[in-house]
C-alpha atoms as a PDB file:
ATOM      1  CA  MET A   1       4.041  24.615  14.357  1.00  0.00           C
ATOM      2  CA  GLN A   2       7.000  24.212  11.687  1.00  0.00           C
ATOM      3  CA  LEU A   3       8.592  21.049  10.551  1.00  0.00           C
ATOM      4  CA  ASN A   4      11.842  20.657   9.459  1.00  0.00           C
ATOM      5  CA  ASP A   5      12.375  18.905   6.282  1.00  0.00           C
ATOM      6  CA  MET A   6      12.945  15.379   7.626  1.00  0.00           C
ATOM      7  CA  GLU A   7       9.589  15.381   9.562  1.00  0.00           C
ATOM      8  CA  THR A   8       7.738  16.500   6.433  1.00  0.00           C
ATOM      9  CA  LYS A   9       9.472  13.934   4.381  1.00  0.00           C
ATOM     10  CA  LYS A  10       8.716  11.161   6.734  1.00  0.00           C
ATOM     11  CA  ILE A  11       4.739  12.280   7.059  1.00  0.00           C
ATOM     12  CA  LEU A  12       4.912  12.449   3.106  1.00  0.00           C
ATOM     13  CA  ASP A  13       6.195   8.789   3.501  1.00  0.00           C
ATOM     14  CA  GLN A  14       3.732   7.323   5.884  1.00  0.00           C
ATOM     15  CA  GLY A  15       0.453   8.752   4.204  1.00  0.00           C
ATOM     16  CA  MET A  16       2.247   7.294   0.544  1.00  0.00           C
ATOM     17  CA  LEU A  17       2.201   3.926   2.271  1.00  0.00           C
ATOM     18  CA  THR A  18      -0.757   4.273   4.133  1.00  0.00           C
ATOM     19  CA  ARG A  19      -2.520   4.571   0.642  1.00  0.00           C
ATOM     20  CA  SER A  20      -0.433   2.082  -0.813  1.00  0.00           C
ATOM     21  CA  LEU A  21      -0.984  -0.522   2.216  1.00  0.00           C
ATOM     22  CA  ILE A  22      -5.083   0.268   1.734  1.00  0.00           C
ATOM     23  CA  GLU A  23      -4.972   0.016  -2.035  1.00  0.00           C
ATOM     24  CA  THR A  24      -3.375  -3.372  -2.112  1.00  0.00           C
ATOM     25  CA  GLU A  25      -5.367  -4.656   0.791  1.00  0.00           C
ATOM     26  CA  THR A  26      -8.191  -3.753  -1.201  1.00  0.00           C
ATOM     27  CA  ALA A  27      -7.233  -5.552  -4.142  1.00  0.00           C
ATOM     28  CA  MET A  28      -6.056  -8.603  -2.781  1.00  0.00           C
ATOM     29  CA  ARG A  29      -9.730  -8.976  -1.136  1.00  0.00           C
ATOM     30  CA  LYS A  30     -11.055  -8.647  -4.223  1.00  0.00           C
ATOM     31  CA  CYS A  31      -8.802 -11.263  -5.681  1.00  0.00           C
ATOM     32  CA  GLN A  32      -9.984 -13.465  -2.477  1.00  0.00           C
ATOM     33  CA  ILE A  33     -13.833 -12.745  -3.433  1.00  0.00           C
ATOM     34  CA  TYR A  34     -13.438 -13.519  -7.031  1.00  0.00           C
ATOM     35  CA  ASN A  35     -11.730 -16.740  -5.897  1.00  0.00           C
ATOM     36  CA  GLU A  36     -14.688 -17.755  -4.393  1.00  0.00           C
ATOM     37  CA  MET A  37     -17.178 -16.827  -6.620  1.00  0.00           C
ATOM     38  CA  ALA A  38     -15.473 -18.476  -9.513  1.00  0.00           C
ATOM     39  CA  LYS A  39     -16.226 -21.620 -10.957  1.00  0.00           C
ATOM     40  CA  ASP A  40     -13.397 -22.418 -13.499  1.00  0.00           C
ATOM     41  CA  THR A  41     -10.577 -24.090 -12.378  1.00  0.00           C
ATOM     42  CA  ALA A  42      -7.965 -22.135 -14.057  1.00  0.00           C
ATOM     43  CA  VAL A  43      -9.758 -18.809 -12.745  1.00  0.00           C
ATOM     44  CA  LYS A  44      -9.724 -19.710  -9.288  1.00  0.00           C
ATOM     45  CA  GLY A  45      -6.030 -20.596  -9.593  1.00  0.00           C
ATOM     46  CA  PHE A  46      -5.589 -17.313 -11.157  1.00  0.00           C
ATOM     47  CA  PHE A  47      -6.925 -15.389  -8.611  1.00  0.00           C
ATOM     48  CA  LYS A  48      -5.578 -17.275  -5.694  1.00  0.00           C
ATOM     49  CA  GLU A  49      -1.944 -16.556  -7.168  1.00  0.00           C
ATOM     50  CA  GLN A  50      -2.958 -12.968  -7.422  1.00  0.00           C
ATOM     51  CA  ALA A  51      -4.188 -12.575  -3.822  1.00  0.00           C
ATOM     52  CA  LYS A  52      -0.745 -14.225  -2.492  1.00  0.00           C
ATOM     53  CA  GLY A  53       1.421 -11.900  -4.729  1.00  0.00           C
ATOM     54  CA  LEU A  54      -0.369  -9.095  -3.121  1.00  0.00           C
ATOM     55  CA  GLU A  55      -0.193 -10.365   0.328  1.00  0.00           C
ATOM     56  CA  ASP A  56       3.069 -10.413  -0.112  1.00  0.00           C
ATOM     57  CA  VAL A  57       3.058  -6.481  -1.186  1.00  0.00           C
ATOM     58  CA  VAL A  58       1.075  -5.573   2.230  1.00  0.00           C
ATOM     59  CA  GLY A  59       3.891  -7.411   4.254  1.00  0.00           C
ATOM     60  CA  TYR A  60       6.534  -5.170   2.122  1.00  0.00           C
ATOM     61  CA  PHE A  61       4.415  -1.672   2.916  1.00  0.00           C
ATOM     62  CA  LYS A  62       3.871  -3.023   6.532  1.00  0.00           C
ATOM     63  CA  LYS A  63       7.820  -3.602   6.687  1.00  0.00           C
ATOM     64  CA  GLY A  64       8.242   0.168   5.244  1.00  0.00           C
ATOM     65  CA  MET A  65       5.575   1.843   7.786  1.00  0.00           C
ATOM     66  CA  VAL A  66       7.598   0.463  10.587  1.00  0.00           C
ATOM     67  CA  GLU A  67      10.992   1.231   9.085  1.00  0.00           C
ATOM     68  CA  ILE A  68       9.803   5.477   8.875  1.00  0.00           C
ATOM     69  CA  GLN A  69       8.449   5.243  12.612  1.00  0.00           C
END
């Protein structure tokens, strides 16, 4: 089976988005865990803000996946 250029691009884009999504979700979860472990209020706040920012990025990637499909 041979794919045309558009199908190939779609598959590659899905792969890149999937990888980015997994990496971002992993980083977000790490920030959530660090937030839970931190004792200092400033450190807790920092990781909470980072996790929230990454949550927005995850939403952006998921939106991109929907647009590709």
